Amino acid sequence: MRVAAGQFAVTPVWRTNAQTCVAMMQQAEREGAALLVLPEALLARDDNDPDLSVKSAQPLDGAFCSRCWPRAGVTA
């Protein structure tokens, strides 16, 4: 199994981070990866607001995952 590691600078804006995740998923797929590992707390992060990751939490059926899942073939 080919595994890809995705690393990026997480921004305070979850929509931007979701777009980045989808782009990384597309790249990993093009390069033959079956699994893409992404950083923790990738929804949103800001060094000036250490609680932002927790405040940005969303349910699994929330907007962030809903943007990423179709690219992964999930139809929940």
PDB file of N, CA and C in Angstrom:
ATOM      1  N   MET A   1       0.838  -1.172   0.000  1.00  0.00           N
ATOM      2  CA  MET A   1       0.000   0.000   0.000  1.00  0.00           C
ATOM      3  C   MET A   1       0.884   1.236   0.000  1.00  0.00           C
ATOM      4  N   ARG A   2       0.595   2.140  -0.903  1.00  0.00           N
ATOM      5  CA  ARG A   2       1.325   3.403  -0.955  1.00  0.00           C
ATOM      6  C   ARG A   2       0.624   4.409  -0.046  1.00  0.00           C
ATOM      7  N   VAL A   3       1.401   5.048   0.817  1.00  0.00           N
ATOM      8  CA  VAL A   3       0.887   6.019   1.779  1.00  0.00           C
ATOM      9  C   VAL A   3       1.507   7.380   1.479  1.00  0.00           C
ATOM     10  N   ALA A   4       0.687   8.424   1.533  1.00  0.00           N
ATOM     11  CA  ALA A   4       1.169   9.793   1.341  1.00  0.00           C
ATOM     12  C   ALA A   4       1.013  10.557   2.649  1.00  0.00           C
ATOM     13  N   ALA A   5       1.980  11.402   2.937  1.00  0.00           N
ATOM     14  CA  ALA A   5       1.903  12.283   4.104  1.00  0.00           C
ATOM     15  C   ALA A   5       1.657  13.697   3.604  1.00  0.00           C
ATOM     16  N   GLY A   6       0.583  14.288   4.066  1.00  0.00           N
ATOM     17  CA  GLY A   6       0.247  15.647   3.662  1.00  0.00           C
ATOM     18  C   GLY A   6       0.599  16.623   4.767  1.00  0.00           C
ATOM     19  N   GLN A   7       1.400  17.608   4.462  1.00  0.00           N
ATOM     20  CA  GLN A   7       1.795  18.611   5.450  1.00  0.00           C
ATOM     21  C   GLN A   7       1.519  19.982   4.861  1.00  0.00           C
ATOM     22  N   PHE A   8       0.849  20.822   5.612  1.00  0.00           N
ATOM     23  CA  PHE A   8       0.594  22.182   5.144  1.00  0.00           C
ATOM     24  C   PHE A   8       0.403  23.099   6.341  1.00  0.00           C
ATOM     25  N   ALA A   9       0.527  24.390   6.096  1.00  0.00           N
ATOM     26  CA  ALA A   9       0.330  25.384   7.151  1.00  0.00           C
ATOM     27  C   ALA A   9      -1.169  25.598   7.331  1.00  0.00           C
ATOM     28  N   VAL A  10      -1.712  25.079   8.416  1.00  0.00           N
ATOM     29  CA  VAL A  10      -3.135  25.202   8.697  1.00  0.00           C
ATOM     30  C   VAL A  10      -3.453  26.664   8.998  1.00  0.00           C
ATOM     31  N   THR A  11      -4.505  27.181   8.369  1.00  0.00           N
ATOM     32  CA  THR A  11      -4.909  28.575   8.562  1.00  0.00           C
ATOM     33  C   THR A  11      -6.053  28.658   9.575  1.00  0.00           C
ATOM     34  N   PRO A  12      -6.420  29.856   9.990  1.00  0.00           N
ATOM     35  CA  PRO A  12      -7.568  30.016  10.880  1.00  0.00           C
ATOM     36  C   PRO A  12      -8.916  29.814  10.170  1.00  0.00           C
ATOM     37  N   VAL A  13      -8.907  29.661   8.844  1.00  0.00           N
ATOM     38  CA  VAL A  13     -10.142  29.577   8.057  1.00  0.00           C
ATOM     39  C   VAL A  13     -10.378  28.131   7.618  1.00  0.00           C
ATOM     40  N   TRP A  14     -11.400  27.485   8.185  1.00  0.00           N
ATOM     41  CA  TRP A  14     -11.617  26.065   7.901  1.00  0.00           C
ATOM     42  C   TRP A  14     -11.923  25.812   6.430  1.00  0.00           C
ATOM     43  N   ARG A  15     -12.589  26.739   5.739  1.00  0.00           N
ATOM     44  CA  ARG A  15     -12.910  26.534   4.319  1.00  0.00           C
ATOM     45  C   ARG A  15     -11.628  26.443   3.481  1.00  0.00           C
ATOM     46  N   THR A  16     -10.668  27.290   3.792  1.00  0.00           N
ATOM     47  CA  THR A  16      -9.380  27.253   3.097  1.00  0.00           C
ATOM     48  C   THR A  16      -8.681  25.926   3.356  1.00  0.00           C
ATOM     49  N   ASN A  17      -8.712  25.463   4.594  1.00  0.00           N
ATOM     50  CA  ASN A  17      -8.063  24.202   4.946  1.00  0.00           C
ATOM     51  C   ASN A  17      -8.757  23.019   4.278  1.00  0.00           C
ATOM     52  N   ALA A  18     -10.073  23.077   4.147  1.00  0.00           N
ATOM     53  CA  ALA A  18     -10.803  22.008   3.455  1.00  0.00           C
ATOM     54  C   ALA A  18     -10.392  21.959   1.986  1.00  0.00           C
ATOM     55  N   GLN A  19     -10.263  23.123   1.351  1.00  0.00           N
ATOM     56  CA  GLN A  19      -9.823  23.166  -0.046  1.00  0.00           C
ATOM     57  C   GLN A  19      -8.420  22.578  -0.187  1.00  0.00           C
ATOM     58  N   THR A  20      -7.552  22.903   0.752  1.00  0.00           N
ATOM     59  CA  THR A  20      -6.194  22.359   0.728  1.00  0.00           C
ATOM     60  C   THR A  20      -6.226  20.845   0.879  1.00  0.00           C
ATOM     61  N   CYS A  21      -7.049  20.345   1.780  1.00  0.00           N
ATOM     62  CA  CYS A  21      -7.152  18.890   1.978  1.00  0.00           C
ATOM     63  C   CYS A  21      -7.632  18.197   0.712  1.00  0.00           C
ATOM     64  N   VAL A  22      -8.645  18.759   0.056  1.00  0.00           N
ATOM     65  CA  VAL A  22      -9.155  18.160  -1.180  1.00  0.00           C
ATOM     66  C   VAL A  22      -8.068  18.161  -2.249  1.00  0.00           C
ATOM     67  N   ALA A  23      -7.327  19.254  -2.372  1.00  0.00           N
ATOM     68  CA  ALA A  23      -6.236  19.310  -3.354  1.00  0.00           C
ATOM     69  C   ALA A  23      -5.171  18.265  -3.041  1.00  0.00           C
ATOM     70  N   MET A  24      -4.859  18.080  -1.765  1.00  0.00           N
ATOM     71  CA  MET A  24      -3.866  17.068  -1.381  1.00  0.00           C
ATOM     72  C   MET A  24      -4.394  15.660  -1.646  1.00  0.00           C
ATOM     73  N   MET A  25      -5.677  15.454  -1.438  1.00  0.00           N
ATOM     74  CA  MET A  25      -6.277  14.153  -1.736  1.00  0.00           C
ATOM     75  C   MET A  25      -6.166  13.849  -3.230  1.00  0.00           C
ATOM     76  N   GLN A  26      -6.428  14.852  -4.051  1.00  0.00           N
ATOM     77  CA  GLN A  26      -6.327  14.673  -5.497  1.00  0.00           C
ATOM     78  C   GLN A  26      -4.893  14.350  -5.908  1.00  0.00           C
ATOM     79  N   GLN A  27      -3.938  15.061  -5.340  1.00  0.00           N
ATOM     80  CA  GLN A  27      -2.532  14.814  -5.663  1.00  0.00           C
ATOM     81  C   GLN A  27      -2.112  13.422  -5.211  1.00  0.00           C
ATOM     82  N   ALA A  28      -2.502  13.034  -4.011  1.00  0.00           N
ATOM     83  CA  ALA A  28      -2.144  11.707  -3.502  1.00  0.00           C
ATOM     84  C   ALA A  28      -2.730  10.618  -4.393  1.00  0.00           C
ATOM     85  N   GLU A  29      -3.963  10.819  -4.835  1.00  0.00           N
ATOM     86  CA  GLU A  29      -4.595   9.835  -5.715  1.00  0.00           C
ATOM     87  C   GLU A  29      -3.863   9.743  -7.050  1.00  0.00           C
ATOM     88  N   ARG A  30      -3.507  10.898  -7.617  1.00  0.00           N
ATOM     89  CA  ARG A  30      -2.764  10.907  -8.887  1.00  0.00           C
ATOM     90  C   ARG A  30      -1.442  10.159  -8.769  1.00  0.00           C
ATOM     91  N   GLU A  31      -0.827  10.235  -7.588  1.00  0.00           N
ATOM     92  CA  GLU A  31       0.471   9.600  -7.381  1.00  0.00           C
ATOM     93  C   GLU A  31       0.347   8.173  -6.863  1.00  0.00           C
ATOM     94  N   GLY A  32      -0.871   7.639  -6.843  1.00  0.00           N
ATOM     95  CA  GLY A  32      -1.073   6.235  -6.516  1.00  0.00           C
ATOM     96  C   GLY A  32      -1.184   5.895  -5.045  1.00  0.00           C
ATOM     97  N   ALA A  33      -1.380   6.886  -4.197  1.00  0.00           N
ATOM     98  CA  ALA A  33      -1.499   6.609  -2.758  1.00  0.00           C
ATOM     99  C   ALA A  33      -2.892   6.070  -2.442  1.00  0.00           C
ATOM    100  N   ALA A  34      -2.929   5.079  -1.580  1.00  0.00           N
ATOM    101  CA  ALA A  34      -4.196   4.522  -1.108  1.00  0.00           C
ATOM    102  C   ALA A  34      -4.616   5.152   0.215  1.00  0.00           C
ATOM    103  N   LEU A  35      -3.680   5.820   0.883  1.00  0.00           N
ATOM    104  CA  LEU A  35      -3.945   6.442   2.177  1.00  0.00           C
ATOM    105  C   LEU A  35      -3.196   7.763   2.248  1.00  0.00           C
ATOM    106  N   LEU A  36      -3.891   8.811   2.665  1.00  0.00           N
ATOM    107  CA  LEU A  36      -3.284  10.122   2.882  1.00  0.00           C
ATOM    108  C   LEU A  36      -3.395  10.448   4.358  1.00  0.00           C
ATOM    109  N   VAL A  37      -2.270  10.715   4.990  1.00  0.00           N
ATOM    110  CA  VAL A  37      -2.230  11.072   6.408  1.00  0.00           C
ATOM    111  C   VAL A  37      -2.044  12.585   6.495  1.00  0.00           C
ATOM    112  N   LEU A  38      -2.966  13.235   7.218  1.00  0.00           N
ATOM    113  CA  LEU A  38      -2.942  14.690   7.347  1.00  0.00           C
ATOM    114  C   LEU A  38      -2.649  15.088   8.788  1.00  0.00           C
ATOM    115  N   PRO A  39      -2.234  16.351   9.011  1.00  0.00           N
ATOM    116  CA  PRO A  39      -1.897  16.785  10.369  1.00  0.00           C
ATOM    117  C   PRO A  39      -3.123  16.842  11.280  1.00  0.00           C
ATOM    118  N   GLU A  40      -2.860  16.733  12.564  1.00  0.00           N
ATOM    119  CA  GLU A  40      -3.931  16.869  13.542  1.00  0.00           C
ATOM    120  C   GLU A  40      -4.379  18.328  13.615  1.00  0.00           C
ATOM    121  N   ALA A  41      -5.565  18.547  14.134  1.00  0.00           N
ATOM    122  CA  ALA A  41      -6.121  19.896  14.322  1.00  0.00           C
ATOM    123  C   ALA A  41      -6.085  20.704  13.030  1.00  0.00           C
ATOM    124  N   LEU A  42      -6.446  20.066  11.915  1.00  0.00           N
ATOM    125  CA  LEU A  42      -6.327  20.757  10.640  1.00  0.00           C
ATOM    126  C   LEU A  42      -7.550  21.573  10.273  1.00  0.00           C
ATOM    127  N   LEU A  43      -8.605  21.509  11.055  1.00  0.00           N
ATOM    128  CA  LEU A  43      -9.790  22.310  10.757  1.00  0.00           C
ATOM    129  C   LEU A  43      -9.445  23.795  10.755  1.00  0.00           C
ATOM    130  N   ALA A  44      -8.802  24.243  11.816  1.00  0.00           N
ATOM    131  CA  ALA A  44      -8.393  25.648  11.923  1.00  0.00           C
ATOM    132  C   ALA A  44      -7.371  25.769  13.043  1.00  0.00           C
ATOM    133  N   ARG A  45      -6.418  26.635  12.838  1.00  0.00           N
ATOM    134  CA  ARG A  45      -5.390  26.851  13.854  1.00  0.00           C
ATOM    135  C   ARG A  45      -4.886  28.281  13.741  1.00  0.00           C
ATOM    136  N   ASP A  46      -4.598  28.863  14.893  1.00  0.00           N
ATOM    137  CA  ASP A  46      -4.049  30.217  14.937  1.00  0.00           C
ATOM    138  C   ASP A  46      -3.174  30.312  16.183  1.00  0.00           C
ATOM    139  N   ASP A  47      -1.909  30.625  15.999  1.00  0.00           N
ATOM    140  CA  ASP A  47      -0.991  30.730  17.136  1.00  0.00           C
ATOM    141  C   ASP A  47      -1.436  31.789  18.142  1.00  0.00           C
ATOM    142  N   ASN A  48      -2.197  32.783  17.688  1.00  0.00           N
ATOM    143  CA  ASN A  48      -2.679  33.833  18.587  1.00  0.00           C
ATOM    144  C   ASN A  48      -3.951  33.436  19.334  1.00  0.00           C
ATOM    145  N   ASP A  49      -4.539  32.312  18.966  1.00  0.00           N
ATOM    146  CA  ASP A  49      -5.757  31.823  19.618  1.00  0.00           C
ATOM    147  C   ASP A  49      -5.625  30.313  19.800  1.00  0.00           C
ATOM    148  N   PRO A  50      -4.956  29.877  20.863  1.00  0.00           N
ATOM    149  CA  PRO A  50      -4.696  28.453  21.050  1.00  0.00           C
ATOM    150  C   PRO A  50      -5.956  27.603  21.193  1.00  0.00           C
ATOM    151  N   ASP A  51      -7.101  28.211  21.462  1.00  0.00           N
ATOM    152  CA  ASP A  51      -8.350  27.462  21.591  1.00  0.00           C
ATOM    153  C   ASP A  51      -9.116  27.343  20.276  1.00  0.00           C
ATOM    154  N   LEU A  52      -8.604  27.925  19.206  1.00  0.00           N
ATOM    155  CA  LEU A  52      -9.336  27.930  17.941  1.00  0.00           C
ATOM    156  C   LEU A  52      -9.619  26.525  17.431  1.00  0.00           C
ATOM    157  N   SER A  53      -8.685  25.614  17.583  1.00  0.00           N
ATOM    158  CA  SER A  53      -8.913  24.243  17.109  1.00  0.00           C
ATOM    159  C   SER A  53     -10.140  23.634  17.771  1.00  0.00           C
ATOM    160  N   VAL A  54     -10.283  23.854  19.064  1.00  0.00           N
ATOM    161  CA  VAL A  54     -11.437  23.313  19.793  1.00  0.00           C
ATOM    162  C   VAL A  54     -12.704  24.074  19.415  1.00  0.00           C
ATOM    163  N   LYS A  55     -12.615  25.393  19.325  1.00  0.00           N
ATOM    164  CA  LYS A  55     -13.785  26.205  18.985  1.00  0.00           C
ATOM    165  C   LYS A  55     -14.279  25.926  17.569  1.00  0.00           C
ATOM    166  N   SER A  56     -13.414  25.435  16.696  1.00  0.00           N
ATOM    167  CA  SER A  56     -13.775  25.175  15.307  1.00  0.00           C
ATOM    168  C   SER A  56     -14.313  23.767  15.083  1.00  0.00           C
ATOM    169  N   ALA A  57     -14.384  22.985  16.125  1.00  0.00           N
ATOM    170  CA  ALA A  57     -14.831  21.592  15.981  1.00  0.00           C
ATOM    171  C   ALA A  57     -16.189  21.525  15.289  1.00  0.00           C
ATOM    172  N   GLN A  58     -16.347  20.494  14.461  1.00  0.00           N
ATOM    173  CA  GLN A  58     -17.596  20.266  13.739  1.00  0.00           C
ATOM    174  C   GLN A  58     -17.965  18.794  13.859  1.00  0.00           C
ATOM    175  N   PRO A  59     -19.246  18.474  13.715  1.00  0.00           N
ATOM    176  CA  PRO A  59     -19.645  17.063  13.713  1.00  0.00           C
ATOM    177  C   PRO A  59     -19.157  16.376  12.440  1.00  0.00           C
ATOM    178  N   LEU A  60     -19.141  15.060  12.443  1.00  0.00           N
ATOM    179  CA  LEU A  60     -18.676  14.317  11.268  1.00  0.00           C
ATOM    180  C   LEU A  60     -19.497  14.624  10.024  1.00  0.00           C
ATOM    181  N   ASP A  61     -20.762  14.975  10.202  1.00  0.00           N
ATOM    182  CA  ASP A  61     -21.582  15.324   9.042  1.00  0.00           C
ATOM    183  C   ASP A  61     -21.626  16.841   8.822  1.00  0.00           C
ATOM    184  N   GLY A  62     -20.659  17.558   9.397  1.00  0.00           N
ATOM    185  CA  GLY A  62     -20.579  19.007   9.252  1.00  0.00           C
ATOM    186  C   GLY A  62     -19.990  19.422   7.914  1.00  0.00           C
ATOM    187  N   ALA A  63     -19.860  20.714   7.737  1.00  0.00           N
ATOM    188  CA  ALA A  63     -19.439  21.289   6.461  1.00  0.00           C
ATOM    189  C   ALA A  63     -18.031  20.874   6.041  1.00  0.00           C
ATOM    190  N   PHE A  64     -17.094  20.784   6.991  1.00  0.00           N
ATOM    191  CA  PHE A  64     -15.714  20.439   6.631  1.00  0.00           C
ATOM    192  C   PHE A  64     -15.646  19.048   6.004  1.00  0.00           C
ATOM    193  N   CYS A  65     -16.149  18.057   6.719  1.00  0.00           N
ATOM    194  CA  CYS A  65     -16.108  16.681   6.204  1.00  0.00           C
ATOM    195  C   CYS A  65     -16.956  16.533   4.949  1.00  0.00           C
ATOM    196  N   SER A  66     -18.068  17.261   4.890  1.00  0.00           N
ATOM    197  CA  SER A  66     -18.932  17.188   3.709  1.00  0.00           C
ATOM    198  C   SER A  66     -18.212  17.669   2.459  1.00  0.00           C
ATOM    199  N   ARG A  67     -17.244  18.559   2.622  1.00  0.00           N
ATOM    200  CA  ARG A  67     -16.452  19.018   1.472  1.00  0.00           C
ATOM    201  C   ARG A  67     -15.370  18.008   1.088  1.00  0.00           C
ATOM    202  N   CYS A  68     -14.855  17.287   2.072  1.00  0.00           N
ATOM    203  CA  CYS A  68     -13.748  16.359   1.818  1.00  0.00           C
ATOM    204  C   CYS A  68     -14.217  14.959   1.430  1.00  0.00           C
ATOM    205  N   TRP A  69     -15.291  14.491   2.023  1.00  0.00           N
ATOM    206  CA  TRP A  69     -15.716  13.105   1.818  1.00  0.00           C
ATOM    207  C   TRP A  69     -15.988  12.724   0.365  1.00  0.00           C
ATOM    208  N   PRO A  70     -16.658  13.564  -0.427  1.00  0.00           N
ATOM    209  CA  PRO A  70     -16.910  13.144  -1.810  1.00  0.00           C
ATOM    210  C   PRO A  70     -15.620  12.807  -2.564  1.00  0.00           C
ATOM    211  N   ARG A  71     -14.556  13.548  -2.289  1.00  0.00           N
ATOM    212  CA  ARG A  71     -13.280  13.283  -2.948  1.00  0.00           C
ATOM    213  C   ARG A  71     -12.725  11.930  -2.536  1.00  0.00           C
ATOM    214  N   ALA A  72     -13.065  11.507  -1.310  1.00  0.00           N
ATOM    215  CA  ALA A  72     -12.591  10.220  -0.802  1.00  0.00           C
ATOM    216  C   ALA A  72     -13.550   9.087  -1.159  1.00  0.00           C
ATOM    217  N   GLY A  73     -14.632   9.416  -1.849  1.00  0.00           N
ATOM    218  CA  GLY A  73     -15.588   8.389  -2.237  1.00  0.00           C
ATOM    219  C   GLY A  73     -16.598   8.051  -1.159  1.00  0.00           C
ATOM    220  N   VAL A  74     -16.681   8.867  -0.120  1.00  0.00           N
ATOM    221  CA  VAL A  74     -17.642   8.632   0.961  1.00  0.00           C
ATOM    222  C   VAL A  74     -18.956   9.300   0.591  1.00  0.00           C
ATOM    223  N   THR A  75     -20.035   8.564   0.714  1.00  0.00           N
ATOM    224  CA  THR A  75     -21.357   9.107   0.405  1.00  0.00           C
ATOM    225  C   THR A  75     -22.261   8.951   1.609  1.00  0.00           C
ATOM    226  N   ALA A  76     -21.965   9.686   2.659  1.00  0.00           N
ATOM    227  CA  ALA A  76     -22.760   9.586   3.891  1.00  0.00           C
ATOM    228  C   ALA A  76     -23.844  10.629   3.917  1.00  0.00           C
TER     229      ALA A  76
END
